[in-house]
Amino acid sequence: MVTMIEMKEKILDFFYSIPRILFINFFKLFVRIRVFNIKNIPKDKSAILAINHTTGADPIVLLGAVGKKIHFIVSAKNFSTRFTAFFMRKFSSSLPIYKECSAKNTSTFKELFLISKKYRVLFGIFPEGNLNKNGNLAQFHKGAAYLSFKTGLPIIPVYLHNLRKGVKPESFIARSNVAEGIISIIANTFQKINIFVGDPINLTAEMIEADFKGPTDVKNYKSTISQINETLSEEFSELEEKADEIVCARAKS
């Protein structure tokens, strides 16, 4: 039975989602997005989407392509003021991750686990950690692997390809995430963007076995997370190669 508090939360969530939905659909009118293997993203199950991070427009592009709500897990520096924290949580459905003080992440992960158990949702996480405009994938952090290990949810690699990168990382404007994001959205208007969805990485019996050997078995615990992260990196490399092959084939034709 739905309580009055839960009903109020649902009404507020719907109210706050209106600007996001309107903006995303407006943006879709001016950008061409082609998605490969979108069937790999489940319609009725929860999952973690691991996404490469080139511009501040990445979440908007992905939301426009998937057409479903995504809870993004982003750097806590985007929550530095009350206004930005309110905007990130209510309008972009984002949760903070603290890189400098991991102890602060306890409440975030508790919230993530609660959401994953209560609803069928998609989580979005950028394993590279920061914007990467170098053209090649950066080394992945293990946050996506850790979240998958703890929740039992599959990780689905999502490779965004052919986005205009916007301002240079060393520029003054790039110091502001908001400004960089707005410029990146404008820069990718009318752009043809390809999105490659990889095969889900599901936890096997061998992977989760370490979790039942007791809390002192830290070595196996870390080894399992590293194994998941390595598999994720390998799948991303394959998606990157596939994207380059398609571009080369079109250039020759």
Protein backbone atom coordinates (compact mmCIF):
# COMPACT_ATOMS: atom_id res chain seq x y z
CA MET A 1 0.00 0.00 0.00
CA VAL A 2 1.34 3.42 -0.98
CA THR A 3 1.70 5.81 1.96
CA MET A 4 1.01 9.55 1.80
CA ILE A 5 4.75 10.28 2.02
CA GLU A 6 5.51 7.96 -0.91
CA MET A 7 2.66 9.50 -2.91
CA LYS A 8 4.02 13.00 -2.22
CA GLU A 9 7.50 11.92 -3.33
CA LYS A 10 6.12 10.49 -6.59
CA ILE A 11 4.20 13.68 -7.33
CA LEU A 12 7.27 15.83 -6.64
CA ASP A 13 9.47 13.55 -8.78
CA PHE A 14 7.00 13.89 -11.64
CA PHE A 15 6.93 17.68 -11.22
CA TYR A 16 10.72 17.98 -11.20
CA SER A 17 11.05 15.65 -14.21
CA ILE A 18 8.96 17.88 -16.51
CA PRO A 19 11.76 20.38 -17.36
CA ARG A 20 14.19 17.50 -17.99
CA ILE A 21 11.77 15.66 -20.29
CA LEU A 22 10.89 18.80 -22.24
CA PHE A 23 14.53 19.78 -22.73
CA ILE A 24 15.66 16.30 -23.78
CA ASN A 25 12.87 15.97 -26.33
CA PHE A 26 13.62 19.45 -27.67
CA PHE A 27 17.32 18.56 -27.98
CA LYS A 28 16.43 15.35 -29.87
CA LEU A 29 14.83 17.44 -32.60
CA PHE A 30 18.22 18.93 -33.49
CA VAL A 31 20.60 16.01 -33.11
CA ARG A 32 20.82 12.74 -35.03
CA ILE A 33 21.40 9.76 -32.75
CA ARG A 34 21.86 6.21 -34.01
CA VAL A 35 21.93 3.43 -31.42
CA PHE A 36 23.45 0.01 -32.09
CA ASN A 37 22.13 -2.97 -30.09
CA ILE A 38 19.76 -0.97 -27.89
CA LYS A 39 18.08 -4.34 -27.14
CA ASN A 40 20.95 -4.97 -24.70
CA ILE A 41 19.45 -2.36 -22.37
CA PRO A 42 16.69 -4.14 -20.37
CA LYS A 43 13.17 -2.72 -20.37
CA ASP A 44 11.92 -4.38 -17.19
CA LYS A 45 15.07 -4.95 -15.12
CA SER A 46 17.58 -2.77 -13.31
CA ALA A 47 21.09 -2.38 -14.71
CA ILE A 48 24.22 -0.23 -14.56
CA LEU A 49 25.21 1.69 -17.68
CA ALA A 50 28.96 2.35 -17.85
CA ILE A 51 29.55 5.27 -20.20
CA ASN A 52 32.65 6.90 -21.68
CA HIS A 53 32.82 10.60 -20.81
CA THR A 54 33.81 13.07 -23.52
CA THR A 55 31.62 16.13 -22.88
CA GLY A 56 29.10 17.56 -20.46
CA ALA A 57 26.44 16.77 -23.07
CA ASP A 58 26.90 13.01 -22.63
CA PRO A 59 24.02 12.50 -20.15
CA ILE A 60 21.60 14.49 -22.35
CA VAL A 61 22.60 12.51 -25.43
CA LEU A 62 22.15 9.20 -23.63
CA LEU A 63 18.81 10.15 -22.09
CA GLY A 64 17.57 11.16 -25.52
CA ALA A 65 18.67 7.84 -27.00
CA VAL A 66 17.41 5.53 -24.24
CA GLY A 67 14.17 7.32 -23.49
CA LYS A 68 14.19 6.17 -19.87
CA LYS A 69 15.09 7.79 -16.58
CA ILE A 70 18.70 7.22 -15.54
CA HIS A 71 20.14 7.86 -12.08
CA PHE A 72 23.61 9.24 -12.78
CA ILE A 73 26.47 8.85 -10.31
CA VAL A 74 28.74 11.87 -10.66
CA SER A 75 31.53 13.74 -8.92
CA ALA A 76 30.54 15.53 -5.71
CA LYS A 77 32.08 18.76 -7.02
CA ASN A 78 28.88 19.18 -9.04
CA PHE A 79 27.02 19.50 -5.72
CA SER A 80 29.16 22.33 -4.34
CA THR A 81 26.28 24.78 -3.76
CA ARG A 82 22.70 24.37 -2.61
CA PHE A 83 21.41 25.36 -6.05
CA THR A 84 23.61 22.95 -7.99
CA ALA A 85 22.93 20.17 -5.45
CA PHE A 86 19.18 20.71 -5.79
CA PHE A 87 19.45 20.82 -9.59
CA MET A 88 21.63 17.70 -9.81
CA ARG A 89 19.39 15.67 -7.52
CA LYS A 90 15.93 16.79 -8.57
CA PHE A 91 16.27 17.67 -12.23
CA SER A 92 19.06 15.35 -13.39
CA SER A 93 18.50 12.48 -10.91
CA SER A 94 22.18 12.43 -9.94
CA LEU A 95 23.93 11.19 -6.81
CA PRO A 96 27.33 12.40 -5.55
CA ILE A 97 30.55 10.43 -5.32
CA TYR A 98 33.39 11.86 -3.20
CA LYS A 99 36.79 11.08 -4.67
CA GLU A 100 38.87 12.75 -1.97
CA CYS A 101 36.96 11.32 1.01
CA SER A 102 35.58 7.85 0.34
CA ALA A 103 34.00 7.68 3.81
CA LYS A 104 31.38 10.20 2.62
CA ASN A 105 30.25 7.76 -0.05
CA THR A 106 28.61 5.46 2.49
CA SER A 107 25.31 7.34 2.41
CA THR A 108 25.37 7.51 -1.39
CA PHE A 109 25.87 3.77 -1.77
CA LYS A 110 23.14 3.09 0.79
CA GLU A 111 20.80 5.24 -1.29
CA LEU A 112 21.86 3.42 -4.46
CA PHE A 113 21.24 0.01 -2.92
CA LEU A 114 17.83 1.13 -1.63
CA ILE A 115 16.81 2.42 -5.07
CA SER A 116 18.06 -0.75 -6.79
CA LYS A 117 16.02 -2.97 -4.47
CA LYS A 118 12.88 -0.84 -4.56
CA TYR A 119 12.59 0.08 -8.22
CA ARG A 120 13.51 -1.17 -11.69
CA VAL A 121 15.98 1.51 -12.66
CA LEU A 122 19.03 2.31 -14.75
CA PHE A 123 22.15 3.73 -13.12
CA GLY A 124 24.62 5.73 -15.20
CA ILE A 125 28.27 5.89 -14.19
CA PHE A 126 31.37 7.23 -15.96
CA PRO A 127 34.23 4.81 -15.16
CA GLU A 128 36.87 7.21 -16.53
CA GLY A 129 36.03 9.53 -13.64
CA ASN A 130 36.48 12.85 -15.42
CA LEU A 131 35.90 14.36 -18.83
CA ASN A 132 38.31 12.81 -21.29
CA LYS A 133 38.77 14.75 -24.53
CA ASN A 134 42.02 13.03 -25.57
CA GLY A 135 40.37 10.71 -28.09
CA ASN A 136 41.37 7.46 -26.34
CA LEU A 137 39.74 5.75 -23.40
CA ALA A 138 41.36 6.55 -20.06
CA GLN A 139 42.03 3.97 -17.36
CA PHE A 140 38.81 2.94 -15.66
CA HIS A 141 38.11 3.47 -11.99
CA LYS A 142 36.43 0.57 -10.19
CA GLY A 143 33.24 2.30 -9.04
CA ALA A 144 31.02 0.59 -11.63
CA ALA A 145 32.51 -2.81 -10.81
CA TYR A 146 32.04 -2.21 -7.07
CA LEU A 147 28.41 -1.17 -7.55
CA SER A 148 27.73 -4.23 -9.71
CA PHE A 149 29.38 -6.53 -7.17
CA LYS A 150 27.38 -5.14 -4.26
CA THR A 151 24.00 -4.91 -5.97
CA GLY A 152 24.27 -7.94 -8.24
CA LEU A 153 23.19 -5.81 -11.20
CA PRO A 154 24.74 -6.34 -14.64
CA ILE A 155 27.00 -3.68 -16.17
CA ILE A 156 26.22 -2.63 -19.73
CA PRO A 157 29.03 -0.77 -21.55
CA VAL A 158 27.77 2.20 -23.58
CA TYR A 159 30.21 3.83 -25.99
CA LEU A 160 29.31 7.35 -27.20
CA HIS A 161 30.98 8.05 -30.52
CA ASN A 162 31.43 11.08 -32.78
CA LEU A 163 30.48 13.82 -30.32
CA ARG A 164 31.98 17.24 -30.89
CA LYS A 165 34.24 17.79 -27.88
CA GLY A 166 33.45 21.47 -27.36
CA VAL A 167 35.91 23.63 -25.45
CA LYS A 168 39.46 22.48 -24.72
CA PRO A 169 40.15 21.12 -21.21
CA GLU A 170 42.74 23.82 -20.49
CA SER A 171 40.44 26.70 -21.45
CA PHE A 172 38.97 29.06 -18.86
CA ILE A 173 35.38 28.07 -19.71
CA ALA A 174 36.16 24.40 -19.07
CA ARG A 175 36.71 25.21 -15.39
CA SER A 176 32.95 25.52 -15.02
CA ASN A 177 31.16 22.20 -15.52
CA VAL A 178 27.89 24.03 -16.19
CA ALA A 179 29.41 26.29 -18.88
CA GLU A 180 31.25 23.36 -20.48
CA GLY A 181 28.05 21.33 -20.55
CA ILE A 182 25.98 24.11 -22.15
CA ILE A 183 28.61 24.73 -24.84
CA SER A 184 28.91 21.00 -25.53
CA ILE A 185 25.14 20.72 -25.98
CA ILE A 186 25.19 23.62 -28.45
CA ALA A 187 28.24 22.21 -30.25
CA ASN A 188 26.52 18.87 -30.81
CA THR A 189 23.35 20.37 -32.26
CA PHE A 190 22.79 18.82 -35.72
CA GLN A 191 25.64 16.39 -35.04
CA LYS A 192 25.32 12.75 -36.07
CA ILE A 193 26.14 10.71 -32.96
CA ASN A 194 26.58 6.95 -32.77
CA ILE A 195 25.95 4.98 -29.58
CA PHE A 196 27.22 1.43 -29.28
CA VAL A 197 25.69 -0.74 -26.55
CA GLY A 198 27.78 -3.73 -25.51
CA ASP A 199 26.79 -7.07 -24.06
CA PRO A 200 25.76 -7.07 -20.37
CA ILE A 201 28.45 -8.18 -17.93
CA ASN A 202 26.67 -10.43 -15.46
CA LEU A 203 28.18 -11.67 -12.23
CA THR A 204 28.99 -15.36 -12.56
CA ALA A 205 28.98 -17.88 -9.71
CA GLU A 206 32.78 -17.79 -9.70
CA MET A 207 32.78 -14.01 -9.35
CA ILE A 208 30.42 -13.83 -6.38
CA GLU A 209 31.91 -16.84 -4.58
CA ALA A 210 34.46 -14.60 -2.88
CA ASP A 211 31.69 -12.66 -1.16
CA PHE A 212 30.76 -15.73 0.90
CA LYS A 213 34.20 -16.46 2.31
CA GLY A 214 33.89 -13.97 5.12
CA PRO A 215 34.67 -10.27 5.64
CA THR A 216 38.35 -10.96 6.24
CA ASP A 217 38.90 -12.29 2.73
CA VAL A 218 39.72 -8.86 1.31
CA LYS A 219 42.07 -10.23 -1.35
CA ASN A 220 39.35 -12.25 -3.11
CA TYR A 221 36.92 -9.36 -2.74
CA LYS A 222 39.27 -6.96 -4.51
CA SER A 223 40.22 -9.58 -7.08
CA THR A 224 36.58 -10.05 -8.06
CA ILE A 225 36.04 -6.32 -8.53
CA SER A 226 39.25 -6.08 -10.57
CA GLN A 227 38.05 -8.96 -12.75
CA ILE A 228 34.74 -7.19 -13.44
CA ASN A 229 36.55 -3.94 -14.21
CA GLU A 230 38.98 -5.69 -16.58
CA THR A 231 36.09 -7.31 -18.46
CA LEU A 232 34.44 -3.90 -18.75
CA SER A 233 37.62 -2.33 -20.16
CA GLU A 234 37.96 -5.13 -22.72
CA GLU A 235 34.37 -4.69 -23.91
CA PHE A 236 34.88 -0.95 -24.29
CA SER A 237 37.99 -1.52 -26.40
CA GLU A 238 35.96 -3.81 -28.67
CA LEU A 239 33.20 -1.19 -29.00
CA GLU A 240 35.79 1.47 -29.81
CA GLU A 241 37.27 -0.71 -32.56
CA LYS A 242 33.81 -1.44 -33.94
CA ALA A 243 33.00 2.27 -34.07
CA ASP A 244 36.24 3.05 -35.92
CA GLU A 245 35.57 0.27 -38.43
CA ILE A 246 32.12 1.65 -39.23
CA VAL A 247 33.50 5.17 -39.71
CA CYS A 248 36.26 3.92 -42.01
CA ALA A 249 33.80 1.81 -44.04
CA ARG A 250 31.52 4.82 -44.55
CA ALA A 251 34.43 7.05 -45.51
CA LYS A 252 35.45 4.59 -48.27
CA SER A 253 31.93 4.16 -49.63
